[in-house]
Structure formats: C-alpha cells, structure tokens
Amino acid sequence: QVQLVESGGGLVQPGGSLRLSCSVSESIFSFDVLGWYLQVPGNQRELVAASPRWGSSRYSDSVQGRFVISRDRAKNTVDLQMNSLKPEDTGVYYCNGERMMPSGSKVDVWGQGTQVTVSS
C-alpha cells in the first residue's frame, strides 16, 4: 500500500519560512499529480500547490509567489517551500498523490497531515 508521510511543520512567526516534505513509498514519478492541500477547522481541504508529472506547477492565488512546490528525485519526496508566511496560512497541510486509472477513474492517496502555525 502506498504511503505518504509529511514532515517539517511547526510554529513560525509571520514573515518566516518553512519547508514541508512528503516522503513517498513508491516512485514520485508514478503519480500523475502530487500536491499539497491546506485544511483549517470547519473548512474543506483546499489545494495549495500541485506538481503534475508533465507541465507546469500550479498554485492557489493566496500562495502564488510565496510558495514553491518541487519533486526531489534523489530523496523521492515532494516538497513545499513556504516563504513570507502569514497567519492565514495556518492549518494542517496534507500531501496528496493522484493517479488516473486506465478506466478513467482517479485514485487519491493522502498523508496524515502536518500542522503549520503562523503566529507571533
């Protein structure tokens, strides 16, 4: 069974930086899309950044220009560099892997999440 394990969360002051890492138990290039989602209490998970196997990465409007998603072939991880953090970036960040099946259906795999708190 595929496993995604996040790390790197924590407490940071506004304006600071954090780097999240998602370790994947299978090749990161076996996924059509790898992404990071944010969930705050009472809300659904929302896409923050996505790295498709082909094509350009995409970001939510709220993090565009501040966050960078990348795949590390050597470590087999998908990382999220978060800069200029704001209190509204606070929440649980989940790593997601998406695969399209030959039938046309989609299979999602999720990590357990890592808490990020931006506060002074």
C-alpha atoms as a PDB file:
ATOM      1  CA  GLN A   1       0.000   0.000   0.000  1.00  0.00           C
ATOM      2  CA  VAL A   2       1.336   3.394  -0.974  1.00  0.00           C
ATOM      3  CA  GLN A   3       2.229   5.662   1.921  1.00  0.00           C
ATOM      4  CA  LEU A   4       2.770   9.400   2.017  1.00  0.00           C
ATOM      5  CA  VAL A   5       4.444  10.806   5.136  1.00  0.00           C
ATOM      6  CA  GLU A   6       4.665  14.554   5.740  1.00  0.00           C
ATOM      7  CA  SER A   7       7.244  16.321   7.873  1.00  0.00           C
ATOM      8  CA  GLY A   8       8.502  19.832   8.508  1.00  0.00           C
ATOM      9  CA  GLY A   9       5.527  21.522  10.108  1.00  0.00           C
ATOM     10  CA  GLY A  10       5.753  23.676  13.193  1.00  0.00           C
ATOM     11  CA  LEU A  11       5.362  27.141  14.663  1.00  0.00           C
ATOM     12  CA  VAL A  12       6.772  30.109  12.767  1.00  0.00           C
ATOM     13  CA  GLN A  13       6.432  33.869  13.061  1.00  0.00           C
ATOM     14  CA  PRO A  14       4.712  35.917  10.364  1.00  0.00           C
ATOM     15  CA  GLY A  15       7.136  36.618   7.550  1.00  0.00           C
ATOM     16  CA  GLY A  16       9.108  33.477   8.271  1.00  0.00           C
ATOM     17  CA  SER A  17       9.704  30.353   6.196  1.00  0.00           C
ATOM     18  CA  LEU A  18       9.099  26.629   6.497  1.00  0.00           C
ATOM     19  CA  ARG A  19       9.831  23.712   4.239  1.00  0.00           C
ATOM     20  CA  LEU A  20       7.437  20.771   4.202  1.00  0.00           C
ATOM     21  CA  SER A  21       8.499  17.431   2.834  1.00  0.00           C
ATOM     22  CA  CYS A  22       6.386  14.454   1.781  1.00  0.00           C
ATOM     23  CA  SER A  23       8.162  11.130   1.624  1.00  0.00           C
ATOM     24  CA  VAL A  24       6.551   8.709  -0.843  1.00  0.00           C
ATOM     25  CA  SER A  25       6.850   4.911  -0.584  1.00  0.00           C
ATOM     26  CA  GLU A  26       6.669   4.474  -4.383  1.00  0.00           C
ATOM     27  CA  SER A  27       8.349   6.428  -7.142  1.00  0.00           C
ATOM     28  CA  ILE A  28       7.156  10.018  -7.167  1.00  0.00           C
ATOM     29  CA  PHE A  29       7.032   9.754 -10.952  1.00  0.00           C
ATOM     30  CA  SER A  30       4.403   7.020 -10.754  1.00  0.00           C
ATOM     31  CA  PHE A  31       1.883   9.711  -9.763  1.00  0.00           C
ATOM     32  CA  ASP A  32       0.165  11.899 -12.311  1.00  0.00           C
ATOM     33  CA  VAL A  33      -0.082  14.739  -9.815  1.00  0.00           C
ATOM     34  CA  LEU A  34       1.500  15.343  -6.425  1.00  0.00           C
ATOM     35  CA  GLY A  35       0.166  18.195  -4.378  1.00  0.00           C
ATOM     36  CA  TRP A  36      -0.252  19.931  -1.064  1.00  0.00           C
ATOM     37  CA  TYR A  37      -3.598  20.829   0.477  1.00  0.00           C
ATOM     38  CA  LEU A  38      -4.476  23.011   3.449  1.00  0.00           C
ATOM     39  CA  GLN A  39      -7.308  22.330   5.845  1.00  0.00           C
ATOM     40  CA  VAL A  40      -8.439  24.711   8.552  1.00  0.00           C
ATOM     41  CA  PRO A  41     -11.056  23.740  11.174  1.00  0.00           C
ATOM     42  CA  GLY A  42     -14.568  23.806   9.770  1.00  0.00           C
ATOM     43  CA  ASN A  43     -13.410  24.004   6.156  1.00  0.00           C
ATOM     44  CA  GLN A  44     -12.726  21.533   3.385  1.00  0.00           C
ATOM     45  CA  ARG A  45      -9.236  20.800   2.230  1.00  0.00           C
ATOM     46  CA  GLU A  46      -8.141  23.253  -0.406  1.00  0.00           C
ATOM     47  CA  LEU A  47      -5.419  22.870  -2.972  1.00  0.00           C
ATOM     48  CA  VAL A  48      -2.352  24.971  -2.233  1.00  0.00           C
ATOM     49  CA  ALA A  49       0.096  23.718  -4.846  1.00  0.00           C
ATOM     50  CA  ALA A  50       0.225  20.906  -7.386  1.00  0.00           C
ATOM     51  CA  SER A  51       3.044  19.348  -9.381  1.00  0.00           C
ATOM     52  CA  PRO A  52       1.855  17.422 -12.429  1.00  0.00           C
ATOM     53  CA  ARG A  53       4.111  14.792 -13.924  1.00  0.00           C
ATOM     54  CA  TRP A  54       4.032  16.793 -17.128  1.00  0.00           C
ATOM     55  CA  GLY A  55       3.533  20.509 -17.340  1.00  0.00           C
ATOM     56  CA  SER A  56       3.911  23.424 -15.005  1.00  0.00           C
ATOM     57  CA  SER A  57       3.146  23.530 -11.329  1.00  0.00           C
ATOM     58  CA  ARG A  58       0.085  25.453 -10.249  1.00  0.00           C
ATOM     59  CA  TYR A  59      -0.718  27.390  -7.093  1.00  0.00           C
ATOM     60  CA  SER A  60      -3.694  28.867  -5.337  1.00  0.00           C
ATOM     61  CA  ASP A  61      -3.991  32.631  -5.661  1.00  0.00           C
ATOM     62  CA  SER A  62      -3.298  33.059  -1.957  1.00  0.00           C
ATOM     63  CA  VAL A  63       0.176  31.484  -2.125  1.00  0.00           C
ATOM     64  CA  GLN A  64       1.254  32.376  -5.661  1.00  0.00           C
ATOM     65  CA  GLY A  65       4.703  33.971  -5.500  1.00  0.00           C
ATOM     66  CA  ARG A  66       5.336  32.833  -1.931  1.00  0.00           C
ATOM     67  CA  PHE A  67       5.274  29.028  -2.092  1.00  0.00           C
ATOM     68  CA  VAL A  68       7.196  26.692  -4.373  1.00  0.00           C
ATOM     69  CA  ILE A  69       6.436  23.006  -4.910  1.00  0.00           C
ATOM     70  CA  SER A  70       9.131  20.672  -6.171  1.00  0.00           C
ATOM     71  CA  ARG A  71       9.847  16.990  -6.700  1.00  0.00           C
ATOM     72  CA  ASP A  72      13.165  15.671  -5.403  1.00  0.00           C
ATOM     73  CA  ARG A  73      14.172  12.643  -7.451  1.00  0.00           C
ATOM     74  CA  ALA A  74      17.083  11.682  -5.193  1.00  0.00           C
ATOM     75  CA  LYS A  75      15.046  11.704  -1.974  1.00  0.00           C
ATOM     76  CA  ASN A  76      11.780  10.612  -3.619  1.00  0.00           C
ATOM     77  CA  THR A  77       9.884  13.442  -1.976  1.00  0.00           C
ATOM     78  CA  VAL A  78       7.608  16.266  -2.957  1.00  0.00           C
ATOM     79  CA  ASP A  79       8.475  19.403  -1.043  1.00  0.00           C
ATOM     80  CA  LEU A  80       6.740  22.687  -0.368  1.00  0.00           C
ATOM     81  CA  GLN A  81       8.905  25.715   0.338  1.00  0.00           C
ATOM     82  CA  MET A  82       6.773  28.296   2.124  1.00  0.00           C
ATOM     83  CA  ASN A  83       8.072  31.852   2.346  1.00  0.00           C
ATOM     84  CA  SER A  84       6.642  35.115   3.684  1.00  0.00           C
ATOM     85  CA  LEU A  85       4.215  33.146   5.807  1.00  0.00           C
ATOM     86  CA  LYS A  86       1.015  34.776   7.008  1.00  0.00           C
ATOM     87  CA  PRO A  87      -1.320  33.882   9.896  1.00  0.00           C
ATOM     88  CA  GLU A  88      -3.917  32.776   7.336  1.00  0.00           C
ATOM     89  CA  ASP A  89      -1.517  30.056   6.171  1.00  0.00           C
ATOM     90  CA  THR A  90      -2.149  28.302   9.482  1.00  0.00           C
ATOM     91  CA  GLY A  91      -3.695  24.847   9.355  1.00  0.00           C
ATOM     92  CA  VAL A  92      -2.969  21.217   8.635  1.00  0.00           C
ATOM     93  CA  TYR A  93      -1.115  20.571   5.399  1.00  0.00           C
ATOM     94  CA  TYR A  94      -1.757  17.298   3.626  1.00  0.00           C
ATOM     95  CA  CYS A  95       0.291  15.670   0.909  1.00  0.00           C
ATOM     96  CA  ASN A  96      -1.737  14.131  -1.915  1.00  0.00           C
ATOM     97  CA  GLY A  97      -0.862  11.754  -4.725  1.00  0.00           C
ATOM     98  CA  GLU A  98      -3.226  11.323  -7.663  1.00  0.00           C
ATOM     99  CA  ARG A  99      -3.271   8.581 -10.269  1.00  0.00           C
ATOM    100  CA  MET A 100      -5.518   8.229 -13.290  1.00  0.00           C
ATOM    101  CA  MET A 101      -6.549   4.639 -13.953  1.00  0.00           C
ATOM    102  CA  PRO A 102      -6.978   3.136 -17.461  1.00  0.00           C
ATOM    103  CA  SER A 103     -10.725   3.057 -16.741  1.00  0.00           C
ATOM    104  CA  GLY A 104     -10.685   6.834 -16.419  1.00  0.00           C
ATOM    105  CA  SER A 105     -11.264   6.842 -12.689  1.00  0.00           C
ATOM    106  CA  LYS A 106      -8.961   8.678 -10.317  1.00  0.00           C
ATOM    107  CA  VAL A 107      -7.246   7.269  -7.240  1.00  0.00           C
ATOM    108  CA  ASP A 108      -6.134   9.595  -4.444  1.00  0.00           C
ATOM    109  CA  VAL A 109      -3.651   8.804  -1.697  1.00  0.00           C
ATOM    110  CA  TRP A 110      -3.296  11.071   1.343  1.00  0.00           C
ATOM    111  CA  GLY A 111      -0.723  11.565   4.040  1.00  0.00           C
ATOM    112  CA  GLN A 112      -1.606  12.013   7.699  1.00  0.00           C
ATOM    113  CA  GLY A 113      -1.024  15.776   7.673  1.00  0.00           C
ATOM    114  CA  THR A 114       1.376  18.151   9.401  1.00  0.00           C
ATOM    115  CA  GLN A 115       0.397  21.203  11.433  1.00  0.00           C
ATOM    116  CA  VAL A 116       1.675  24.632  10.458  1.00  0.00           C
ATOM    117  CA  THR A 117       1.034  27.540  12.807  1.00  0.00           C
ATOM    118  CA  VAL A 118       1.958  31.079  11.843  1.00  0.00           C
ATOM    119  CA  SER A 119       1.784  33.310  14.878  1.00  0.00           C
ATOM    120  CA  SER A 120       3.779  35.876  16.781  1.00  0.00           C
END
